[in-house]
Structure formats: structure tokens, C-alpha cells
Amino acid sequence: MKMGGPLVPVGGAAGLLAFVLVSPGIVGAELLIVANDEKISFTDEGTELRMPERAERDTVCVYDIASDPEAPSLVATLSLQSSVYGPPTNVVLTPDETLAFVTNPVRLEMEGGVPVVVPGDELHVIDLEQTPRHVATLTVGRQPSGMDVTPDGRLLLIANRADETVSVLRIGGKAATFVDTVQVGTPAAAVRVTPDGRRALIVFKGDNKVGVLHIRGETVTYDPGEDINVGISPDNVDVTPSGDLALVANSGVTGGNDGHADSVSVIDLTVDPPRVIDVVGVGDGPEGLAISPTGALAVVALIDGSQNARANPRTAWAAKKNGKVAVLEIRGKTVRKTGEVEVGGMPEGVVFSPDGRYVYVGNFLGRNLSILRVEGESVVDTGKTIDLDAGPAAMRGSR
């Protein structure tokens, strides 16, 4: 979701962070984690409703899609706060699916009788063994947004938008220990580790750039001289399973939702330095982005006029009831848009099933998940949805 103005406090997280780390996860499960925000809503006139009294209604839902991908089973619903402010990637699982992490990027506070948005600093830790349960809430950097875990499951990277930092946490044994805070000097929205675990790409939304983090053991470094210029207002980044390409969703001048087409940047990661080799027009307001585990397809969630923003009330020419998912075909280093699928209002997160045969889309205003099926090089709507009690703000799944 696009915020009305920047949150720019300073500071950082430091100290020892501890939580229980367990061994085997839910046996045979393929998990889908959905963080739901009940505090924010919109009127048809485009007025944003901020309701602090509903913060306790925020939830994190854990689904198992293994037995029936078109009718996932709800394993647990946890009462945990999260937020639609920020990219829909503030949820992540460890590769062995024993833990999930969910941040609360912002919170609502009353100032002069008016609810205002202020940076949050919470990281929720969920134990996924048997029945999922909340085991800890840790204090990290301010406005923790996109997250990722290294392929070996040893490090958690958190992009802290308001602090302009990346928190690095060590995962191991029965504790997570704070390792470092990496200063990046600009609001960081999302982060994605490459499959070899040696680099991570970090999205600088306000600067229209993607930075490169180098990972050597537990040492994470950043050099602004390696920044990659991408499209306007990037929100998310994902990397192909081969590690050859990265795709970046650029939501445009107004942050999307204005009726004008926006883009996905294609970054070649096989060259030194990495560089943008193509720009693909996808539609209005790309935000959620995911590449298939097969590497052959990608999907991009398009708000497409379906968020009732002040600049786009229901009476505006660009206003639409529903958003879309754009389908991209990946062949070698060539990426092209091949189709669209209509989903619900204000789609945010998108997640592929581990086998790449299904796509799950979180529709924030629709308060549900759309279930799409991959058929060859096409993606089709199954017509099935999962109803939720709040708006799905962020999603991640098993890899």
C-alpha cells in the first residue's frame, strides 16, 4: 500500500534477541502464511479509515495447501498485529518451515483525538511445529518491512524503512542473536536473497533504485556505488530460481492506482555489475510480485484502480471494483507479458505453490484470497476463494 507521506525517524536495533527454535515442522505441510490488517479501510469517496480500536482484530492465518491446493485447510489463526502499510513481503518462513516471522511495520496512535500512523518496530516469531503458536515478539528497527531468510536458514534480513537500515539476525540452535545493523541511508522497502545466498537485492522505493547487499558468512555489506537504477517507485523484487534474473515491480509516479500503465524492470544478475536489460509494461499499480519455482512464469498483482484513494474515489475515471494479476513468461533472459486474470479489490500479496501449479492472491479490499491455477504457460481463475475476517496485507509460502 502507498503511504500518504514518508515516516523518517532515526535509530537502530541492537542487542540480543532470543526465542525458541524448534526442529521438525508440520509433517507433510506446504504452508501459506497470511497477515491480515483490520485497522485500515477505505470509503467509496477515497477516505482512509484508521481505526486503532480494531488493532486487536489483526490476525495471522496459517494454511496447509498440500492435501488440496484448491481448498487449503486452515491450520491456525493467531491474534497478531501487522499492517498493509508497506510491501506485502513482511512475512517469511525459514526454509525448513519450523519458523515464520511477521513484522508490524506501523501502528496507529491517537494525537489530538486523531489516529496517526507512526513507525512500528515489532517482529513476531511463530513456532510452526505441530499447532502453530506465537512464541515471541522482538524489537527490531523502525518500520520493518520486507524480509527474507538466507537459503541455509541461518540469517534473517529485515529492511527497516524508517530507520534506513537492514537488520541482520542469526538463526540457530534455540536462539536468534542480533548480528548487525547495516546502514543504507535511504528508506528500504523490500529485500530478497539470491539462491546462492551470497547476495541480496534491496529495494529503495524513494530513490528508484535497487541496492546490492553482499553476504559473507554473517557479514553483510552495502556499497551505494553498486545501486541499480530501475523504474519509478519500486515496491518489490524477486529472483529466478537459477539466480540469473531479478524482476522489480515499479508502481509509478503516484504509487499506482491512477489508471496509467506501470512497469517491471528486468535485471541481469549474471553480469558484473548487475544491470537492467529490459522494462516490461504490465499495467496499473504493480505491487505484489512472485516468480514461479519452475522459473518459467512470474505474476504481478495490479491494483488497477481498485484502491479507493483520495485521488481515485469510486467516481473517478480510473476507478474499478477489482484488480488484476499480470502473467509474465520468462524464457532465458527474455520476459514478456502474456495475459491477465481479474482478481479482487486491491490485490497485495501473491504466492506460488511449491510445485508452481497454483497462485494465491491476497485481495485487501475483497477480504479474501483468490486461487488461480497454472495451465502450461497460462494462469486461469479457478473461481474459488478463501474468505477472511480482515484484509490480507502480506503473504508468503513454502519454497
Foldseek 3Di string as FASTA:
>chain_A
DDDPDDAADADWDDDWFWWFFDDAFDPQFWKKKFKFAFQWDADLLADIGGHQVCQQVTWIWIWGCRPPVQDTDTQDIGRDGADLPAAQAQWEAQQNRQKIKHAHQWHWDDDPNDTDIHWDFWIWIWGRHRRIDTIDIDGTATRFAAWDAFNVRFWIWTQHFNHQWIWIWGDDDTTITTDDIEHRPAGWGYKAAFNVRQWIWIDRQQVQWIWIWGDDPRDIYTDVVLIEHHFHRWRDKDAFNVRQKMKIFHQDDVQWLPFDWGWIWIWGVVDVPIYTDDIETFTTHWGAKDAFNVNFKIKTKHLQNQNCHNNRRCPDPRHDQWTKIWMWTDDPRDIYTDDIETDGHRWGYWEAGNNRQWIWIFHQNQQKIWIWGDDPRDIYGPVGIGHHPHGGSHMYIHD
